[in-house]
Amino acid sequence: MNGKSGGNGNDSHGGDCGAHPILPPRGDYQTLLSFQKAEVVYDITFRFAHKFLSRGDRTVDQMIQSARSGKKNILEGSKAALTSKETEIKLTNVARASLEELLDDYRDYLRARDLAIWAKDSREALYVRKLGRKTPQTFEDYREFTETRPANVVANIAICLIHQTNYLVDQQLHRLEQDFLKDGGLRERMTRARLQYRNGPYH
């Protein structure tokens, strides 16, 4: 994915097989902007749920688990990239679904309390979008707002960030699906490598 290439044995049979490595470079999930944003969403959600929701409310655990699932499945998907493109796609899809569920919980919170959801081109949403362009993304960029603003503002900030994360995950999934259609999974790469070895100048 966006990870750095390392010594994965891609050139073990010489230059020809190096052009079609059996094992792609391991994805470095910490450099993925989608993971960074998902981690910020988790940090905001953890604080939001404990600060603004009633103790014993099942929504507390539900929102935190959805946020955790979004972050963790991006991480696990990136780690799985080394051996299984199919698993990477599956886990990234799980992350996307979890974030969508969390988005709905934030919307429910605002709607049930007759609180406004910011329009995407509102001054507030545009400000959060501007913050979202910073790289890398960390919770520190949003800590002051999370700790000092009322619930409706924090919920709207989270909604904006989830939209940003979902956009990145959608782009990631599109690229993964295109890569899979082009290169196949591990089995297909192993088959190509064996054929190259048999047909190449190795014997």
N, C-alpha and C. Protein backbone atom coordinates (compact mmCIF):
# COMPACT_ATOMS: atom_id res chain seq x y z
N MET A 1 0.85 -1.20 0.00
CA MET A 1 0.00 0.00 0.00
C MET A 1 0.88 1.24 0.00
N ASN A 2 0.83 2.08 1.11
CA ASN A 2 1.70 3.24 1.16
C ASN A 2 2.95 2.97 1.97
N GLY A 3 3.20 1.68 2.28
CA GLY A 3 4.34 1.35 3.11
C GLY A 3 5.64 1.47 2.36
N LYS A 4 6.74 1.38 3.11
CA LYS A 4 8.04 1.48 2.51
C LYS A 4 8.50 0.11 2.10
N SER A 5 9.21 0.03 0.98
CA SER A 5 9.73 -1.24 0.53
C SER A 5 10.84 -1.68 1.45
N GLY A 6 10.90 -2.98 1.66
CA GLY A 6 11.94 -3.51 2.52
C GLY A 6 12.47 -4.79 1.96
N GLY A 7 13.28 -5.48 2.73
CA GLY A 7 13.88 -6.71 2.26
C GLY A 7 12.92 -7.86 2.38
N ASN A 8 12.04 -8.02 1.41
CA ASN A 8 11.04 -9.07 1.44
C ASN A 8 11.40 -10.22 0.52
N GLY A 9 12.63 -10.26 0.04
CA GLY A 9 13.03 -11.36 -0.81
C GLY A 9 12.45 -11.27 -2.20
N ASN A 10 12.13 -10.07 -2.66
CA ASN A 10 11.52 -9.93 -3.97
C ASN A 10 12.49 -10.24 -5.10
N ASP A 11 13.79 -10.20 -4.84
CA ASP A 11 14.76 -10.43 -5.90
C ASP A 11 15.47 -11.76 -5.73
N SER A 12 14.81 -12.74 -5.08
CA SER A 12 15.47 -13.99 -4.75
C SER A 12 15.81 -14.82 -5.98
N HIS A 13 15.15 -14.59 -7.12
CA HIS A 13 15.45 -15.33 -8.35
C HIS A 13 16.02 -14.43 -9.43
N GLY A 14 16.49 -13.25 -9.04
CA GLY A 14 17.10 -12.39 -10.03
C GLY A 14 16.16 -11.31 -10.52
N GLY A 15 16.60 -10.55 -11.52
CA GLY A 15 15.90 -9.37 -12.00
C GLY A 15 14.52 -9.65 -12.54
N ASP A 16 14.32 -10.79 -13.26
CA ASP A 16 13.04 -11.03 -13.89
C ASP A 16 11.93 -11.20 -12.86
N CYS A 17 12.19 -12.00 -11.82
CA CYS A 17 11.15 -12.19 -10.81
C CYS A 17 10.96 -10.94 -9.97
N GLY A 18 11.98 -10.09 -9.89
CA GLY A 18 11.85 -8.87 -9.13
C GLY A 18 10.79 -7.95 -9.69
N ALA A 19 10.50 -8.10 -10.99
CA ALA A 19 9.48 -7.25 -11.62
C ALA A 19 8.08 -7.68 -11.19
N HIS A 20 7.95 -8.92 -10.70
CA HIS A 20 6.64 -9.41 -10.26
C HIS A 20 6.82 -10.12 -8.93
N PRO A 21 7.02 -9.36 -7.87
CA PRO A 21 7.30 -9.96 -6.56
C PRO A 21 6.16 -10.82 -6.06
N ILE A 22 6.52 -11.96 -5.43
CA ILE A 22 5.49 -12.81 -4.83
C ILE A 22 4.85 -12.09 -3.65
N LEU A 23 5.68 -11.50 -2.80
CA LEU A 23 5.19 -10.79 -1.64
C LEU A 23 5.41 -9.30 -1.83
N PRO A 24 4.35 -8.50 -1.85
CA PRO A 24 4.51 -7.05 -2.01
C PRO A 24 5.11 -6.46 -0.75
N PRO A 25 5.63 -5.24 -0.82
CA PRO A 25 6.16 -4.60 0.38
C PRO A 25 5.09 -4.50 1.46
N ARG A 26 5.50 -4.72 2.71
CA ARG A 26 4.55 -4.64 3.83
C ARG A 26 4.03 -3.22 3.98
N GLY A 27 2.72 -3.09 4.15
CA GLY A 27 2.14 -1.77 4.34
C GLY A 27 2.47 -1.21 5.71
N ASP A 28 2.90 0.01 5.76
CA ASP A 28 3.17 0.70 7.03
C ASP A 28 1.92 1.48 7.39
N TYR A 29 1.06 0.87 8.20
CA TYR A 29 -0.25 1.45 8.48
C TYR A 29 -0.16 2.83 9.13
N GLN A 30 0.92 3.08 9.89
CA GLN A 30 1.03 4.35 10.60
C GLN A 30 1.21 5.54 9.65
N THR A 31 1.65 5.27 8.43
CA THR A 31 1.80 6.35 7.45
C THR A 31 0.52 6.57 6.64
N LEU A 32 -0.47 5.68 6.79
CA LEU A 32 -1.72 5.84 6.07
C LEU A 32 -2.54 6.97 6.68
N LEU A 33 -2.90 7.94 5.86
CA LEU A 33 -3.70 9.05 6.37
C LEU A 33 -5.06 8.55 6.86
N SER A 34 -5.59 7.52 6.22
CA SER A 34 -6.87 6.97 6.68
C SER A 34 -6.74 6.42 8.10
N PHE A 35 -5.63 5.76 8.41
CA PHE A 35 -5.43 5.24 9.76
C PHE A 35 -5.25 6.39 10.76
N GLN A 36 -4.47 7.39 10.38
CA GLN A 36 -4.25 8.53 11.28
C GLN A 36 -5.57 9.20 11.63
N LYS A 37 -6.42 9.40 10.63
CA LYS A 37 -7.71 10.05 10.88
C LYS A 37 -8.62 9.14 11.70
N ALA A 38 -8.61 7.84 11.40
CA ALA A 38 -9.43 6.91 12.17
C ALA A 38 -9.00 6.88 13.63
N GLU A 39 -7.71 7.02 13.87
CA GLU A 39 -7.22 7.05 15.25
C GLU A 39 -7.69 8.32 15.96
N VAL A 40 -7.69 9.44 15.26
CA VAL A 40 -8.22 10.69 15.84
C VAL A 40 -9.70 10.53 16.14
N VAL A 41 -10.44 9.92 15.23
CA VAL A 41 -11.88 9.68 15.45
C VAL A 41 -12.08 8.83 16.70
N TYR A 42 -11.25 7.82 16.87
CA TYR A 42 -11.37 6.98 18.07
C TYR A 42 -11.10 7.80 19.33
N ASP A 43 -10.03 8.60 19.33
CA ASP A 43 -9.68 9.38 20.51
C ASP A 43 -10.78 10.38 20.86
N ILE A 44 -11.36 11.01 19.86
CA ILE A 44 -12.46 11.95 20.11
C ILE A 44 -13.68 11.21 20.63
N THR A 45 -13.99 10.08 20.02
CA THR A 45 -15.18 9.32 20.40
C THR A 45 -15.07 8.79 21.83
N PHE A 46 -13.91 8.30 22.20
CA PHE A 46 -13.71 7.79 23.56
C PHE A 46 -14.03 8.88 24.57
N ARG A 47 -13.52 10.08 24.33
CA ARG A 47 -13.75 11.19 25.25
C ARG A 47 -15.20 11.68 25.19
N PHE A 48 -15.74 11.76 23.98
CA PHE A 48 -17.13 12.21 23.82
C PHE A 48 -18.09 11.29 24.57
N ALA A 49 -17.94 9.98 24.37
CA ALA A 49 -18.87 9.03 24.96
C ALA A 49 -18.84 9.08 26.48
N HIS A 50 -17.64 9.19 27.05
CA HIS A 50 -17.54 9.20 28.51
C HIS A 50 -17.93 10.55 29.12
N LYS A 51 -17.80 11.61 28.32
CA LYS A 51 -18.10 12.94 28.85
C LYS A 51 -19.57 13.32 28.68
N PHE A 52 -20.16 12.98 27.54
CA PHE A 52 -21.49 13.50 27.22
C PHE A 52 -22.62 12.46 27.25
N LEU A 53 -22.30 11.18 27.35
CA LEU A 53 -23.34 10.16 27.42
C LEU A 53 -23.47 9.65 28.84
N SER A 54 -24.66 9.22 29.20
CA SER A 54 -24.92 8.77 30.56
C SER A 54 -24.21 7.45 30.84
N ARG A 55 -23.71 7.31 32.06
CA ARG A 55 -23.11 6.04 32.46
C ARG A 55 -24.18 4.95 32.41
N GLY A 56 -23.80 3.83 31.83
CA GLY A 56 -24.76 2.74 31.67
C GLY A 56 -25.49 2.76 30.34
N ASP A 57 -25.39 3.86 29.61
CA ASP A 57 -25.99 3.95 28.27
C ASP A 57 -25.22 3.01 27.34
N ARG A 58 -25.93 2.08 26.72
CA ARG A 58 -25.27 1.11 25.84
C ARG A 58 -24.60 1.77 24.65
N THR A 59 -25.03 2.99 24.32
CA THR A 59 -24.42 3.71 23.20
C THR A 59 -22.96 4.02 23.47
N VAL A 60 -22.57 4.14 24.74
CA VAL A 60 -21.18 4.43 25.07
C VAL A 60 -20.28 3.34 24.49
N ASP A 61 -20.56 2.09 24.87
CA ASP A 61 -19.75 0.98 24.37
C ASP A 61 -19.89 0.82 22.87
N GLN A 62 -21.10 1.03 22.37
CA GLN A 62 -21.34 0.86 20.94
C GLN A 62 -20.50 1.83 20.12
N MET A 63 -20.48 3.11 20.51
CA MET A 63 -19.72 4.10 19.75
C MET A 63 -18.22 3.85 19.86
N ILE A 64 -17.76 3.52 21.06
CA ILE A 64 -16.33 3.28 21.24
C ILE A 64 -15.89 2.05 20.44
N GLN A 65 -16.70 1.00 20.45
CA GLN A 65 -16.35 -0.21 19.70
C GLN A 65 -16.36 0.04 18.20
N SER A 66 -17.30 0.83 17.71
CA SER A 66 -17.33 1.15 16.28
C SER A 66 -16.08 1.94 15.89
N ALA A 67 -15.72 2.91 16.73
CA ALA A 67 -14.52 3.71 16.45
C ALA A 67 -13.28 2.84 16.49
N ARG A 68 -13.22 1.95 17.48
CA ARG A 68 -12.07 1.05 17.60
C ARG A 68 -11.98 0.11 16.40
N SER A 69 -13.13 -0.41 15.97
CA SER A 69 -13.16 -1.31 14.82
C SER A 69 -12.69 -0.61 13.55
N GLY A 70 -13.10 0.65 13.38
CA GLY A 70 -12.63 1.41 12.22
C GLY A 70 -11.13 1.51 12.18
N LYS A 71 -10.54 1.86 13.31
CA LYS A 71 -9.08 2.02 13.39
C LYS A 71 -8.37 0.68 13.26
N LYS A 72 -8.80 -0.30 14.04
CA LYS A 72 -8.09 -1.58 14.11
C LYS A 72 -8.16 -2.35 12.79
N ASN A 73 -9.27 -2.25 12.09
CA ASN A 73 -9.39 -3.01 10.84
C ASN A 73 -8.59 -2.38 9.71
N ILE A 74 -8.38 -1.07 9.74
CA ILE A 74 -7.45 -0.46 8.79
C ILE A 74 -6.04 -0.98 9.08
N LEU A 75 -5.70 -1.01 10.37
CA LEU A 75 -4.38 -1.51 10.79
C LEU A 75 -4.19 -2.97 10.37
N GLU A 76 -5.15 -3.84 10.72
CA GLU A 76 -5.02 -5.26 10.42
C GLU A 76 -5.04 -5.51 8.91
N GLY A 77 -5.82 -4.72 8.19
CA GLY A 77 -5.85 -4.87 6.74
C GLY A 77 -4.51 -4.55 6.13
N SER A 78 -3.88 -3.49 6.61
CA SER A 78 -2.57 -3.11 6.09
C SER A 78 -1.53 -4.18 6.40
N LYS A 79 -1.59 -4.74 7.59
CA LYS A 79 -0.65 -5.79 7.97
C LYS A 79 -0.87 -7.06 7.15
N ALA A 80 -2.14 -7.33 6.81
CA ALA A 80 -2.46 -8.52 6.03
C ALA A 80 -2.03 -8.40 4.57
N ALA A 81 -1.71 -7.18 4.14
CA ALA A 81 -1.38 -6.94 2.73
C ALA A 81 -0.22 -7.80 2.26
N LEU A 82 0.67 -8.16 3.17
CA LEU A 82 1.86 -8.92 2.79
C LEU A 82 1.51 -10.27 2.19
N THR A 83 0.48 -10.91 2.70
CA THR A 83 0.17 -12.28 2.26
C THR A 83 -1.20 -12.44 1.62
N SER A 84 -2.14 -11.52 1.85
CA SER A 84 -3.48 -11.73 1.32
C SER A 84 -4.15 -10.42 0.97
N LYS A 85 -4.22 -10.15 -0.31
CA LYS A 85 -4.92 -8.96 -0.77
C LYS A 85 -6.42 -9.08 -0.49
N GLU A 86 -6.94 -10.33 -0.57
CA GLU A 86 -8.35 -10.54 -0.28
C GLU A 86 -8.68 -10.15 1.16
N THR A 87 -7.82 -10.57 2.11
CA THR A 87 -8.04 -10.25 3.51
C THR A 87 -7.93 -8.75 3.74
N GLU A 88 -6.98 -8.12 3.07
CA GLU A 88 -6.82 -6.67 3.21
C GLU A 88 -8.09 -5.95 2.77
N ILE A 89 -8.66 -6.36 1.65
CA ILE A 89 -9.89 -5.74 1.16
C ILE A 89 -11.04 -5.99 2.13
N LYS A 90 -11.15 -7.23 2.61
CA LYS A 90 -12.23 -7.58 3.54
C LYS A 90 -12.16 -6.75 4.82
N LEU A 91 -10.97 -6.65 5.42
CA LEU A 91 -10.82 -5.91 6.66
C LEU A 91 -11.03 -4.41 6.46
N THR A 92 -10.59 -3.89 5.33
CA THR A 92 -10.79 -2.47 5.04
C THR A 92 -12.27 -2.18 4.85
N ASN A 93 -13.01 -3.12 4.26
CA ASN A 93 -14.46 -2.97 4.15
C ASN A 93 -15.13 -2.98 5.52
N VAL A 94 -14.64 -3.82 6.44
CA VAL A 94 -15.17 -3.85 7.80
C VAL A 94 -14.95 -2.50 8.47
N ALA A 95 -13.75 -1.94 8.28
CA ALA A 95 -13.45 -0.62 8.84
C ALA A 95 -14.43 0.42 8.31
N ARG A 96 -14.70 0.37 7.02
CA ARG A 96 -15.62 1.34 6.40
C ARG A 96 -17.02 1.22 6.99
N ALA A 97 -17.48 -0.02 7.18
CA ALA A 97 -18.81 -0.24 7.74
C ALA A 97 -18.89 0.24 9.19
N SER A 98 -17.83 0.02 9.95
CA SER A 98 -17.81 0.45 11.35
C SER A 98 -17.87 1.96 11.46
N LEU A 99 -17.13 2.64 10.59
CA LEU A 99 -17.14 4.10 10.61
C LEU A 99 -18.50 4.65 10.21
N GLU A 100 -19.16 3.97 9.28
CA GLU A 100 -20.50 4.41 8.87
C GLU A 100 -21.49 4.25 10.02
N GLU A 101 -21.35 3.17 10.79
CA GLU A 101 -22.20 2.97 11.96
C GLU A 101 -21.96 4.06 13.00
N LEU A 102 -20.69 4.40 13.20
CA LEU A 102 -20.36 5.46 14.15
C LEU A 102 -20.93 6.80 13.69
N LEU A 103 -20.83 7.06 12.41
CA LEU A 103 -21.38 8.29 11.84
C LEU A 103 -22.87 8.39 12.14
N ASP A 104 -23.58 7.29 12.00
CA ASP A 104 -25.01 7.28 12.27
C ASP A 104 -25.30 7.53 13.75
N ASP A 105 -24.45 7.01 14.64
CA ASP A 105 -24.64 7.26 16.07
C ASP A 105 -24.49 8.74 16.41
N TYR A 106 -23.50 9.39 15.81
CA TYR A 106 -23.34 10.83 16.05
C TYR A 106 -24.53 11.62 15.50
N ARG A 107 -25.00 11.23 14.34
CA ARG A 107 -26.17 11.92 13.78
C ARG A 107 -27.40 11.71 14.66
N ASP A 108 -27.55 10.48 15.15
CA ASP A 108 -28.68 10.19 16.06
C ASP A 108 -28.60 11.06 17.32
N TYR A 109 -27.40 11.21 17.86
CA TYR A 109 -27.22 12.01 19.07
C TYR A 109 -27.71 13.44 18.83
N LEU A 110 -27.33 14.02 17.72
CA LEU A 110 -27.72 15.40 17.43
C LEU A 110 -29.20 15.51 17.10
N ARG A 111 -29.69 14.59 16.28
CA ARG A 111 -31.09 14.66 15.85
C ARG A 111 -32.05 14.47 17.03
N ALA A 112 -31.73 13.52 17.90
CA ALA A 112 -32.62 13.23 19.04
C ALA A 112 -32.70 14.40 20.02
N ARG A 113 -31.71 15.27 19.98
CA ARG A 113 -31.67 16.42 20.89
C ARG A 113 -31.97 17.74 20.18
N ASP A 114 -32.45 17.63 18.94
CA ASP A 114 -32.78 18.82 18.14
C ASP A 114 -31.58 19.75 17.98
N LEU A 115 -30.41 19.16 17.82
CA LEU A 115 -29.18 19.93 17.60
C LEU A 115 -28.81 19.86 16.13
N ALA A 116 -28.28 20.96 15.62
CA ALA A 116 -28.01 21.06 14.19
C ALA A 116 -26.79 20.24 13.77
N ILE A 117 -26.89 19.64 12.59
CA ILE A 117 -25.74 19.02 11.94
C ILE A 117 -25.19 20.05 10.94
N TRP A 118 -23.92 20.34 11.05
CA TRP A 118 -23.34 21.37 10.19
C TRP A 118 -23.48 21.02 8.72
N ALA A 119 -23.85 22.00 7.91
CA ALA A 119 -23.82 21.83 6.47
C ALA A 119 -22.37 21.68 6.02
N LYS A 120 -22.14 20.92 4.97
CA LYS A 120 -20.76 20.62 4.57
C LYS A 120 -19.98 21.85 4.15
N ASP A 121 -20.69 22.90 3.73
CA ASP A 121 -20.00 24.13 3.33
C ASP A 121 -20.15 25.24 4.37
N SER A 122 -20.56 24.89 5.57
CA SER A 122 -20.65 25.89 6.63
C SER A 122 -19.26 26.34 7.06
N ARG A 123 -19.20 27.48 7.72
CA ARG A 123 -17.90 28.01 8.17
C ARG A 123 -17.20 27.02 9.10
N GLU A 124 -17.98 26.40 9.98
CA GLU A 124 -17.39 25.47 10.94
C GLU A 124 -16.84 24.22 10.25
N ALA A 125 -17.63 23.68 9.33
CA ALA A 125 -17.19 22.47 8.62
C ALA A 125 -15.96 22.75 7.77
N LEU A 126 -15.92 23.91 7.14
CA LEU A 126 -14.76 24.27 6.33
C LEU A 126 -13.51 24.41 7.18
N TYR A 127 -13.68 24.90 8.41
CA TYR A 127 -12.53 25.02 9.31
C TYR A 127 -11.99 23.64 9.68
N VAL A 128 -12.91 22.71 9.98
CA VAL A 128 -12.46 21.35 10.31
C VAL A 128 -11.80 20.71 9.09
N ARG A 129 -12.34 20.99 7.91
CA ARG A 129 -11.73 20.45 6.68
C ARG A 129 -10.31 20.99 6.51
N LYS A 130 -10.13 22.27 6.85
CA LYS A 130 -8.79 22.86 6.76
C LYS A 130 -7.84 22.19 7.75
N LEU A 131 -8.31 21.95 8.97
CA LEU A 131 -7.49 21.23 9.95
C LEU A 131 -7.14 19.84 9.44
N GLY A 132 -8.08 19.24 8.72
CA GLY A 132 -7.88 17.88 8.22
C GLY A 132 -6.83 17.76 7.15
N ARG A 133 -6.37 18.89 6.61
CA ARG A 133 -5.33 18.85 5.58
C ARG A 133 -3.93 18.74 6.17
N LYS A 134 -3.83 18.95 7.48
CA LYS A 134 -2.52 18.84 8.12
C LYS A 134 -2.05 17.39 8.10
N THR A 135 -0.76 17.21 7.86
CA THR A 135 -0.20 15.87 7.92
C THR A 135 1.10 15.91 8.73
N PRO A 136 1.32 14.91 9.59
CA PRO A 136 0.37 13.85 9.89
C PRO A 136 -0.78 14.36 10.74
N GLN A 137 -1.86 13.59 10.81
CA GLN A 137 -3.00 13.92 11.64
C GLN A 137 -2.84 13.28 13.02
N THR A 138 -3.03 14.08 14.07
CA THR A 138 -2.98 13.54 15.43
C THR A 138 -4.11 14.16 16.25
N PHE A 139 -4.42 13.52 17.37
CA PHE A 139 -5.47 14.04 18.24
C PHE A 139 -5.12 15.42 18.77
N GLU A 140 -3.84 15.73 18.90
CA GLU A 140 -3.43 17.02 19.44
C GLU A 140 -3.97 18.18 18.61
N ASP A 141 -4.22 17.95 17.32
CA ASP A 141 -4.79 18.99 16.46
C ASP A 141 -6.21 19.35 16.89
N TYR A 142 -6.86 18.43 17.63
CA TYR A 142 -8.27 18.61 17.98
C TYR A 142 -8.52 18.59 19.49
N ARG A 143 -7.46 18.40 20.27
CA ARG A 143 -7.63 18.24 21.72
C ARG A 143 -8.36 19.43 22.35
N GLU A 144 -7.94 20.64 22.01
CA GLU A 144 -8.55 21.82 22.64
C GLU A 144 -10.04 21.87 22.38
N PHE A 145 -10.45 21.59 21.14
CA PHE A 145 -11.87 21.62 20.80
C PHE A 145 -12.63 20.52 21.55
N THR A 146 -12.04 19.34 21.61
CA THR A 146 -12.69 18.21 22.27
C THR A 146 -12.89 18.47 23.76
N GLU A 147 -11.92 19.13 24.37
CA GLU A 147 -11.95 19.32 25.82
C GLU A 147 -12.69 20.58 26.26
N THR A 148 -12.90 21.53 25.35
CA THR A 148 -13.50 22.81 25.78
C THR A 148 -14.83 23.13 25.12
N ARG A 149 -15.18 22.47 24.03
CA ARG A 149 -16.41 22.81 23.32
C ARG A 149 -17.58 21.94 23.80
N PRO A 150 -18.82 22.43 23.62
CA PRO A 150 -20.00 21.65 24.03
C PRO A 150 -20.19 20.42 23.14
N ALA A 151 -21.10 19.56 23.59
CA ALA A 151 -21.30 18.27 22.92
C ALA A 151 -21.64 18.41 21.45
N ASN A 152 -22.51 19.39 21.10
CA ASN A 152 -22.92 19.50 19.70
C ASN A 152 -21.75 19.85 18.78
N VAL A 153 -20.80 20.66 19.29
CA VAL A 153 -19.63 21.02 18.48
C VAL A 153 -18.71 19.81 18.32
N VAL A 154 -18.45 19.11 19.41
CA VAL A 154 -17.57 17.95 19.35
C VAL A 154 -18.16 16.87 18.43
N ALA A 155 -19.48 16.66 18.53
CA ALA A 155 -20.12 15.67 17.66
C ALA A 155 -20.00 16.06 16.20
N ASN A 156 -20.17 17.34 15.90
CA ASN A 156 -20.04 17.78 14.51
C ASN A 156 -18.61 17.68 14.00
N ILE A 157 -17.64 17.96 14.86
CA ILE A 157 -16.24 17.78 14.47
C ILE A 157 -15.99 16.32 14.13
N ALA A 158 -16.50 15.43 14.98
CA ALA A 158 -16.34 13.99 14.72
C ALA A 158 -16.99 13.60 13.40
N ILE A 159 -18.18 14.14 13.13
CA ILE A 159 -18.87 13.82 11.87
C ILE A 159 -18.03 14.26 10.67
N CYS A 160 -17.48 15.46 10.74
CA CYS A 160 -16.62 15.95 9.65
C CYS A 160 -15.43 15.02 9.44
N LEU A 161 -14.79 14.61 10.54
CA LEU A 161 -13.61 13.75 10.44
C LEU A 161 -13.96 12.36 9.92
N ILE A 162 -15.13 11.85 10.31
CA ILE A 162 -15.54 10.53 9.80
C ILE A 162 -15.77 10.61 8.30
N HIS A 163 -16.40 11.69 7.84
CA HIS A 163 -16.57 11.87 6.39
C HIS A 163 -15.22 11.89 5.68
N GLN A 164 -14.25 12.60 6.23
CA GLN A 164 -12.91 12.65 5.63
C GLN A 164 -12.28 11.26 5.60
N THR A 165 -12.42 10.54 6.71
CA THR A 165 -11.84 9.19 6.80
C THR A 165 -12.51 8.25 5.81
N ASN A 166 -13.84 8.32 5.73
CA ASN A 166 -14.56 7.46 4.80
C ASN A 166 -14.16 7.72 3.36
N TYR A 167 -13.93 8.98 3.02
CA TYR A 167 -13.49 9.30 1.66
C TYR A 167 -12.14 8.63 1.38
N LEU A 168 -11.22 8.71 2.34
CA LEU A 168 -9.90 8.10 2.15
C LEU A 168 -9.99 6.58 2.07
N VAL A 169 -10.85 5.99 2.91
CA VAL A 169 -11.01 4.54 2.89
C VAL A 169 -11.63 4.09 1.56
N ASP A 170 -12.58 4.85 1.05
CA ASP A 170 -13.18 4.54 -0.26
C ASP A 170 -12.12 4.57 -1.36
N GLN A 171 -11.24 5.57 -1.32
CA GLN A 171 -10.15 5.65 -2.30
C GLN A 171 -9.22 4.46 -2.15
N GLN A 172 -8.94 4.09 -0.92
CA GLN A 172 -8.07 2.96 -0.62
C GLN A 172 -8.67 1.67 -1.17
N LEU A 173 -9.97 1.46 -0.92
CA LEU A 173 -10.64 0.26 -1.41
C LEU A 173 -10.64 0.19 -2.93
N HIS A 174 -10.86 1.31 -3.57
CA HIS A 174 -10.85 1.33 -5.04
C HIS A 174 -9.48 0.91 -5.56
N ARG A 175 -8.42 1.44 -4.94
CA ARG A 175 -7.07 1.09 -5.37
C ARG A 175 -6.77 -0.39 -5.11
N LEU A 176 -7.19 -0.88 -3.95
CA LEU A 176 -6.97 -2.29 -3.61
C LEU A 176 -7.68 -3.21 -4.60
N GLU A 177 -8.92 -2.86 -4.94
CA GLU A 177 -9.68 -3.70 -5.87
C GLU A 177 -9.05 -3.67 -7.26
N GLN A 178 -8.57 -2.52 -7.68
CA GLN A 178 -7.89 -2.43 -8.97
C GLN A 178 -6.60 -3.24 -8.96
N ASP A 179 -5.85 -3.15 -7.87
CA ASP A 179 -4.61 -3.93 -7.76
C ASP A 179 -4.89 -5.42 -7.78
N PHE A 180 -5.98 -5.82 -7.12
CA PHE A 180 -6.32 -7.25 -7.09
C PHE A 180 -6.70 -7.74 -8.48
N LEU A 181 -7.49 -6.95 -9.19
CA LEU A 181 -7.87 -7.34 -10.55
C LEU A 181 -6.65 -7.42 -11.46
N LYS A 182 -5.68 -6.56 -11.23
CA LYS A 182 -4.49 -6.53 -12.08
C LYS A 182 -3.49 -7.62 -11.71
N ASP A 183 -3.22 -7.79 -10.42
CA ASP A 183 -2.14 -8.67 -9.99
C ASP A 183 -2.60 -9.95 -9.32
N GLY A 184 -3.89 -10.02 -8.91
CA GLY A 184 -4.37 -11.20 -8.23
C GLY A 184 -3.89 -11.26 -6.79
N GLY A 185 -4.15 -12.40 -6.15
CA GLY A 185 -3.72 -12.61 -4.78
C GLY A 185 -2.43 -13.38 -4.72
N LEU A 186 -2.11 -13.89 -3.53
CA LEU A 186 -0.84 -14.59 -3.33
C LEU A 186 -0.73 -15.82 -4.22
N ARG A 187 -1.83 -16.58 -4.36
CA ARG A 187 -1.78 -17.80 -5.18
C ARG A 187 -1.44 -17.48 -6.63
N GLU A 188 -2.06 -16.43 -7.16
CA GLU A 188 -1.77 -16.06 -8.55
C GLU A 188 -0.32 -15.60 -8.69
N ARG A 189 0.18 -14.84 -7.71
CA ARG A 189 1.57 -14.37 -7.79
C ARG A 189 2.56 -15.53 -7.70
N MET A 190 2.24 -16.52 -6.86
CA MET A 190 3.11 -17.69 -6.75
C MET A 190 3.12 -18.48 -8.06
N THR A 191 1.95 -18.61 -8.68
CA THR A 191 1.87 -19.33 -9.96
C THR A 191 2.69 -18.62 -11.01
N ARG A 192 2.58 -17.29 -11.10
CA ARG A 192 3.37 -16.54 -12.09
C ARG A 192 4.85 -16.71 -11.83
N ALA A 193 5.24 -16.65 -10.55
CA ALA A 193 6.66 -16.77 -10.21
C ALA A 193 7.20 -18.15 -10.59
N ARG A 194 6.39 -19.20 -10.35
CA ARG A 194 6.83 -20.55 -10.73
C ARG A 194 7.00 -20.67 -12.24
N LEU A 195 6.04 -20.11 -12.98
CA LEU A 195 6.13 -20.16 -14.44
C LEU A 195 7.35 -19.39 -14.93
N GLN A 196 7.58 -18.23 -14.33
CA GLN A 196 8.76 -17.45 -14.73
C GLN A 196 10.03 -18.22 -14.45
N TYR A 197 10.06 -18.89 -13.31
CA TYR A 197 11.26 -19.65 -12.93
C TYR A 197 11.51 -20.79 -13.92
N ARG A 198 10.41 -21.51 -14.27
CA ARG A 198 10.55 -22.63 -15.18
C ARG A 198 10.93 -22.20 -16.58
N ASN A 199 10.38 -21.06 -17.01
CA ASN A 199 10.62 -20.60 -18.37
C ASN A 199 11.84 -19.69 -18.50
N GLY A 200 12.36 -19.27 -17.36
CA GLY A 200 13.46 -18.33 -17.41
C GLY A 200 14.82 -19.00 -17.54
N PRO A 201 15.86 -18.19 -17.60
CA PRO A 201 17.22 -18.70 -17.81
C PRO A 201 17.87 -19.19 -16.52
N TYR A 202 17.12 -20.05 -15.78
CA TYR A 202 17.64 -20.50 -14.50
C TYR A 202 18.13 -21.93 -14.54
N HIS A 203 17.78 -22.68 -15.63
CA HIS A 203 18.14 -24.09 -15.66
C HIS A 203 19.08 -24.34 -16.85
